[in-house]
C-alpha atoms as a PDB file:
ATOM      1  CA  MET A   1       8.840  55.148  84.824  1.00  0.00           C
ATOM      2  CA  LEU A   2       6.729  54.397  81.554  1.00  0.00           C
ATOM      3  CA  VAL A   3       6.976  50.885  81.802  1.00  0.00           C
ATOM      4  CA  LEU A   4       5.961  51.297  85.270  1.00  0.00           C
ATOM      5  CA  TRP A   5       2.624  53.088  84.387  1.00  0.00           C
ATOM      6  CA  ILE A   6       1.800  50.289  81.622  1.00  0.00           C
ATOM      7  CA  VAL A   7       2.454  47.498  83.944  1.00  0.00           C
ATOM      8  CA  GLY A   8       1.702  48.985  87.382  1.00  0.00           C
ATOM      9  CA  GLY A   9      -1.975  50.113  86.171  1.00  0.00           C
ATOM     10  CA  PRO A  10      -3.515  46.458  85.875  1.00  0.00           C
ATOM     11  CA  LEU A  11      -1.376  44.934  88.293  1.00  0.00           C
ATOM     12  CA  ALA A  12      -2.777  47.161  91.032  1.00  0.00           C
ATOM     13  CA  ASN A  13      -6.299  46.445  89.719  1.00  0.00           C
ATOM     14  CA  GLN A  14      -6.329  42.969  89.188  1.00  0.00           C
ATOM     15  CA  VAL A  15      -4.313  41.623  91.213  1.00  0.00           C
ATOM     16  CA  PHE A  16      -3.957  43.818  94.508  1.00  0.00           C
ATOM     17  CA  GLY A  17      -8.066  45.297  93.924  1.00  0.00           C
ATOM     18  CA  PHE A  18      -6.641  48.964  93.873  1.00  0.00           C
ATOM     19  CA  ASN A  19      -8.842  51.290  91.699  1.00  0.00           C
ATOM     20  CA  VAL A  20      -6.790  54.481  91.188  1.00  0.00           C
ATOM     21  CA  PRO A  21      -8.530  57.089  89.027  1.00  0.00           C
ATOM     22  CA  GLY A  22      -5.850  58.125  86.416  1.00  0.00           C
ATOM     23  CA  VAL A  23      -3.778  54.782  86.522  1.00  0.00           C
ATOM     24  CA  ARG A  24      -4.202  52.764  83.280  1.00  0.00           C
ATOM     25  CA  ARG A  25      -6.609  49.426  83.240  1.00  0.00           C
ATOM     26  CA  TRP A  26      -6.609  46.727  81.345  1.00  0.00           C
ATOM     27  CA  LEU A  27      -9.159  44.898  80.855  1.00  0.00           C
ATOM     28  CA  MET A  28      -9.122  41.527  78.245  1.00  0.00           C
ATOM     29  CA  PHE A  29     -11.815  40.212  76.061  1.00  0.00           C
ATOM     30  CA  ILE A  30     -14.583  42.920  77.261  1.00  0.00           C
ATOM     31  CA  GLY A  31     -17.282  42.310  74.916  1.00  0.00           C
ATOM     32  CA  TYR A  32     -16.377  38.850  74.029  1.00  0.00           C
ATOM     33  CA  GLY A  33     -19.080  36.734  72.863  1.00  0.00           C
ATOM     34  CA  LYS A  34     -21.514  39.045  72.378  1.00  0.00           C
ATOM     35  CA  GLU A  35     -24.360  38.228  70.174  1.00  0.00           C
ATOM     36  CA  ILE A  36     -23.837  34.506  70.030  1.00  0.00           C
ATOM     37  CA  CYS A  37     -26.165  31.787  71.139  1.00  0.00           C
ATOM     38  CA  ASP A  38     -25.730  28.647  73.050  1.00  0.00           C
ATOM     39  CA  VAL A  39     -28.553  26.986  72.170  1.00  0.00           C
ATOM     40  CA  ARG A  40     -30.077  22.970  72.882  1.00  0.00           C
ATOM     41  CA  PHE A  41     -32.716  21.647  70.633  1.00  0.00           C
ATOM     42  CA  VAL A  42     -34.363  18.453  72.366  1.00  0.00           C
ATOM     43  CA  VAL A  43     -37.041  16.293  70.878  1.00  0.00           C
ATOM     44  CA  PRO A  44     -39.421  15.685  73.596  1.00  0.00           C
ATOM     45  CA  GLY A  45     -39.061  11.966  74.936  1.00  0.00           C
ATOM     46  CA  GLN A  46     -35.344  11.735  74.174  1.00  0.00           C
ATOM     47  CA  ASP A  47     -32.802  12.072  76.882  1.00  0.00           C
ATOM     48  CA  GLU A  48     -30.175  14.031  74.938  1.00  0.00           C
ATOM     49  CA  PRO A  49     -30.259  17.280  72.807  1.00  0.00           C
ATOM     50  CA  ILE A  50     -29.372  17.155  69.186  1.00  0.00           C
ATOM     51  CA  ASP A  51     -26.114  17.516  67.550  1.00  0.00           C
ATOM     52  CA  ARG A  52     -27.483  20.087  65.606  1.00  0.00           C
ATOM     53  CA  LEU A  53     -24.634  20.743  62.782  1.00  0.00           C
ATOM     54  CA  LYS A  54     -24.589  16.719  62.338  1.00  0.00           C
ATOM     55  CA  THR A  55     -28.437  16.519  62.017  1.00  0.00           C
ATOM     56  CA  LEU A  56     -28.095  19.496  59.483  1.00  0.00           C
ATOM     57  CA  GLY A  57     -25.565  17.434  57.457  1.00  0.00           C
ATOM     58  CA  PHE A  58     -22.349  18.597  58.651  1.00  0.00           C
ATOM     59  CA  GLU A  59     -19.579  16.245  59.757  1.00  0.00           C
ATOM     60  CA  ASN A  60     -16.877  18.095  60.067  1.00  0.00           C
ATOM     61  CA  ALA A  61     -16.798  21.699  62.006  1.00  0.00           C
ATOM     62  CA  TRP A  62     -14.554  23.137  59.603  1.00  0.00           C
ATOM     63  CA  ASP A  63     -17.010  22.291  56.716  1.00  0.00           C
ATOM     64  CA  VAL A  64     -19.965  24.556  58.729  1.00  0.00           C
ATOM     65  CA  PRO A  65     -20.808  27.772  57.480  1.00  0.00           C
ATOM     66  CA  ARG A  66     -20.599  30.492  60.202  1.00  0.00           C
ATOM     67  CA  GLU A  67     -23.973  31.738  59.997  1.00  0.00           C
ATOM     68  CA  HIS A  68     -24.899  27.561  61.340  1.00  0.00           C
ATOM     69  CA  LYS A  69     -22.584  27.280  63.786  1.00  0.00           C
ATOM     70  CA  MET A  70     -22.589  30.717  65.471  1.00  0.00           C
ATOM     71  CA  LEU A  71     -26.406  31.694  66.109  1.00  0.00           C
ATOM     72  CA  ALA A  72     -26.466  35.664  66.584  1.00  0.00           C
ATOM     73  CA  ASP A  73     -29.912  36.227  67.601  1.00  0.00           C
ATOM     74  CA  ALA A  74     -33.424  34.853  68.048  1.00  0.00           C
ATOM     75  CA  ASP A  75     -34.519  34.938  64.625  1.00  0.00           C
ATOM     76  CA  ALA A  76     -31.216  32.330  63.886  1.00  0.00           C
ATOM     77  CA  VAL A  77     -32.435  30.117  66.166  1.00  0.00           C
ATOM     78  CA  GLN A  78     -35.826  30.024  65.309  1.00  0.00           C
ATOM     79  CA  ARG A  79     -34.712  29.389  61.774  1.00  0.00           C
ATOM     80  CA  GLN A  80     -32.161  26.661  62.531  1.00  0.00           C
ATOM     81  CA  GLY A  81     -34.943  24.936  64.644  1.00  0.00           C
ATOM     82  CA  ARG A  82     -37.530  24.711  61.439  1.00  0.00           C
ATOM     83  CA  GLU A  83     -34.309  23.380  59.203  1.00  0.00           C
ATOM     84  CA  ILE A  84     -33.864  20.830  61.958  1.00  0.00           C
ATOM     85  CA  CYS A  85     -37.633  20.331  62.034  1.00  0.00           C
ATOM     86  CA  ARG A  86     -37.525  19.265  58.437  1.00  0.00           C
ATOM     87  CA  ALA A  87     -34.429  17.504  58.679  1.00  0.00           C
ATOM     88  CA  LEU A  88     -35.450  15.176  61.531  1.00  0.00           C
ATOM     89  CA  ASN A  89     -39.140  14.884  60.271  1.00  0.00           C
ATOM     90  CA  VAL A  90     -40.690  15.837  63.284  1.00  0.00           C
ATOM     91  CA  ASP A  91     -43.677  17.770  64.456  1.00  0.00           C
ATOM     92  CA  VAL A  92     -42.508  18.714  68.048  1.00  0.00           C
ATOM     93  CA  LEU A  93     -38.505  20.413  68.693  1.00  0.00           C
ATOM     94  CA  HIS A  94     -38.117  22.407  72.347  1.00  0.00           C
ATOM     95  CA  VAL A  95     -35.531  24.580  72.282  1.00  0.00           C
ATOM     96  CA  GLN A  96     -33.482  26.351  75.344  1.00  0.00           C
ATOM     97  CA  ALA A  97     -31.420  29.241  74.195  1.00  0.00           C
ATOM     98  CA  ARG A  98     -29.589  32.366  75.621  1.00  0.00           C
ATOM     99  CA  CYS A  99     -27.804  35.068  73.770  1.00  0.00           C
ATOM    100  CA  GLY A 100     -24.567  36.614  75.161  1.00  0.00           C
ATOM    101  CA  VAL A 101     -24.804  40.107  75.901  1.00  0.00           C
ATOM    102  CA  HIS A 102     -22.342  42.824  77.322  1.00  0.00           C
ATOM    103  CA  ARG A 103     -22.018  41.623  80.870  1.00  0.00           C
ATOM    104  CA  GLY A 104     -23.419  37.946  80.421  1.00  0.00           C
ATOM    105  CA  TRP A 105     -26.262  35.988  79.139  1.00  0.00           C
ATOM    106  CA  ARG A 106     -29.946  36.631  78.217  1.00  0.00           C
ATOM    107  CA  PRO A 107     -32.495  34.103  77.206  1.00  0.00           C
ATOM    108  CA  ALA A 108     -33.173  34.230  73.803  1.00  0.00           C
ATOM    109  CA  GLY A 109     -36.515  34.992  72.470  1.00  0.00           C
ATOM    110  CA  LYS A 110     -39.647  37.366  71.676  1.00  0.00           C
ATOM    111  CA  PRO A 111     -40.900  37.490  74.363  1.00  0.00           C
ATOM    112  CA  THR A 112     -38.775  34.956  76.294  1.00  0.00           C
ATOM    113  CA  TRP A 113     -38.912  31.648  74.923  1.00  0.00           C
ATOM    114  CA  LYS A 114     -40.246  29.044  77.726  1.00  0.00           C
ATOM    115  CA  ALA A 115     -38.328  25.909  77.724  1.00  0.00           C
ATOM    116  CA  ASP A 116     -40.916  23.991  76.168  1.00  0.00           C
ATOM    117  CA  LYS A 117     -41.336  26.112  72.783  1.00  0.00           C
ATOM    118  CA  ASN A 118     -42.068  24.415  69.527  1.00  0.00           C
ATOM    119  CA  LEU A 119     -40.309  25.677  67.000  1.00  0.00           C
ATOM    120  CA  CYS A 120     -42.318  22.958  64.643  1.00  0.00           C
ATOM    121  CA  LYS A 121     -44.915  24.772  64.835  1.00  0.00           C
ATOM    122  CA  ARG A 122     -45.382  28.096  62.227  1.00  0.00           C
END
Protein backbone atom coordinates (compact mmCIF):
# COMPACT_ATOMS: atom_id res chain seq x y z
CA MET A 1 0.00 0.00 0.00
CA LEU A 2 2.87 2.37 0.83
CA VAL A 3 4.52 1.65 -2.53
CA LEU A 4 1.25 2.41 -4.33
CA TRP A 5 1.04 5.77 -2.55
CA ILE A 6 4.70 6.64 -3.29
CA VAL A 7 4.49 5.69 -6.98
CA GLY A 8 0.79 6.36 -7.61
CA GLY A 9 0.75 10.04 -6.67
CA PRO A 10 3.38 11.18 -9.15
CA LEU A 11 2.08 8.76 -11.79
CA ALA A 12 -1.50 10.06 -11.50
CA ASN A 13 -0.35 13.67 -11.75
CA GLN A 14 2.31 13.44 -14.47
CA VAL A 15 0.95 10.70 -16.71
CA PHE A 16 -2.81 10.98 -16.37
CA GLY A 17 -3.10 14.64 -15.35
CA PHE A 18 -5.10 13.98 -12.18
CA ASN A 19 -4.57 16.35 -9.28
CA VAL A 20 -6.01 14.63 -6.24
CA PRO A 21 -5.73 16.45 -2.88
CA GLY A 22 -3.72 14.46 -0.35
CA VAL A 23 -1.96 12.43 -3.03
CA ARG A 24 1.76 12.90 -3.15
CA ARG A 25 3.03 14.98 -6.10
CA TRP A 26 6.52 14.68 -7.42
CA LEU A 27 8.32 17.66 -8.90
CA MET A 28 11.84 17.31 -10.21
CA PHE A 29 14.24 20.26 -10.24
CA ILE A 30 11.73 22.89 -9.19
CA GLY A 31 13.56 26.19 -9.06
CA TYR A 32 16.70 24.75 -10.66
CA GLY A 33 18.47 27.43 -12.66
CA LYS A 34 17.30 30.36 -10.59
CA GLU A 35 19.89 33.10 -10.39
CA ILE A 36 21.78 31.88 -13.45
CA CYS A 37 22.00 34.25 -16.38
CA ASP A 38 22.11 33.50 -20.09
CA VAL A 39 24.35 36.20 -21.56
CA ARG A 40 25.44 37.17 -25.07
CA PHE A 41 28.04 39.90 -25.54
CA VAL A 42 28.33 41.38 -29.04
CA VAL A 43 30.67 43.95 -30.57
CA PRO A 44 28.66 45.98 -33.11
CA GLY A 45 29.55 45.02 -36.67
CA GLN A 46 30.50 41.46 -35.77
CA ASP A 47 28.10 38.71 -36.72
CA GLU A 48 28.88 36.25 -33.91
CA PRO A 49 28.58 36.77 -30.16
CA ILE A 50 31.85 36.87 -28.23
CA ASP A 51 33.10 33.71 -26.53
CA ARG A 52 33.22 35.46 -23.18
CA LEU A 53 35.28 32.89 -21.30
CA LYS A 54 37.91 32.55 -24.02
CA THR A 55 38.13 36.34 -24.23
CA LEU A 56 38.87 36.47 -20.51
CA GLY A 57 41.76 34.02 -20.99
CA PHE A 58 40.18 30.71 -20.00
CA GLU A 59 41.04 27.97 -22.48
CA ASN A 60 39.53 25.03 -20.60
CA ALA A 61 36.06 25.09 -19.03
CA TRP A 62 37.47 23.28 -15.98
CA ASP A 63 39.74 26.25 -15.22
CA VAL A 64 36.95 28.82 -15.06
CA PRO A 65 36.01 30.01 -11.56
CA ARG A 66 32.28 29.73 -10.85
CA GLU A 67 31.75 33.51 -10.56
CA HIS A 68 32.96 33.92 -14.18
CA LYS A 69 31.07 30.95 -15.56
CA MET A 70 27.74 31.31 -13.74
CA LEU A 71 26.69 34.95 -13.73
CA ALA A 72 24.08 35.34 -11.01
CA ASP A 73 22.57 38.78 -11.59
CA ALA A 74 22.67 42.00 -13.63
CA ASP A 75 25.59 43.37 -11.59
CA ALA A 76 27.71 40.30 -12.42
CA VAL A 77 26.81 40.68 -16.11
CA GLN A 78 27.86 44.32 -16.06
CA ARG A 79 31.15 43.55 -14.26
CA GLN A 80 32.05 40.83 -16.75
CA GLY A 81 31.08 43.10 -19.65
CA ARG A 82 33.54 45.73 -18.45
CA GLU A 83 36.26 43.09 -18.15
CA ILE A 84 35.56 42.03 -21.74
CA CYS A 85 35.72 45.68 -22.89
CA ARG A 86 39.22 45.95 -21.40
CA ALA A 87 40.32 42.56 -22.76
CA LEU A 88 39.16 43.36 -26.31
CA ASN A 89 40.14 47.04 -26.06
CA VAL A 90 36.80 48.18 -27.51
CA ASP A 91 34.63 51.20 -26.75
CA VAL A 92 31.28 49.59 -27.51
CA LEU A 93 30.02 46.25 -26.26
CA HIS A 94 26.35 45.31 -26.37
CA VAL A 95 24.70 42.70 -24.17
CA GLN A 96 21.58 40.62 -24.27
CA ALA A 97 20.98 38.95 -20.94
CA ARG A 98 18.21 37.09 -19.16
CA CYS A 99 18.32 35.52 -15.73
CA GLY A 100 16.46 32.49 -14.45
CA VAL A 101 13.61 33.04 -12.02
CA HIS A 102 11.23 30.61 -10.34
CA ARG A 103 9.06 29.96 -13.40
CA GLY A 104 11.14 30.98 -16.41
CA TRP A 105 13.38 33.82 -17.55
CA ARG A 106 13.44 37.53 -16.82
CA PRO A 107 15.43 40.06 -18.87
CA ALA A 108 18.40 41.29 -16.83
CA GLY A 109 19.15 44.91 -16.12
CA LYS A 110 18.19 47.91 -14.07
CA PRO A 111 15.80 48.96 -15.60
CA THR A 112 15.59 46.20 -18.19
CA TRP A 113 18.47 46.66 -20.60
CA LYS A 114 17.82 47.28 -24.24
CA ALA A 115 19.62 44.95 -26.66
CA ASP A 116 21.92 47.84 -27.55
CA LYS A 117 23.04 48.66 -23.98
CA ASN A 118 26.71 49.64 -24.10
CA LEU A 119 28.61 48.08 -21.21
CA CYS A 120 31.87 49.90 -21.96
CA LYS A 121 30.32 53.25 -21.07
CA ARG A 122 31.04 54.29 -17.51
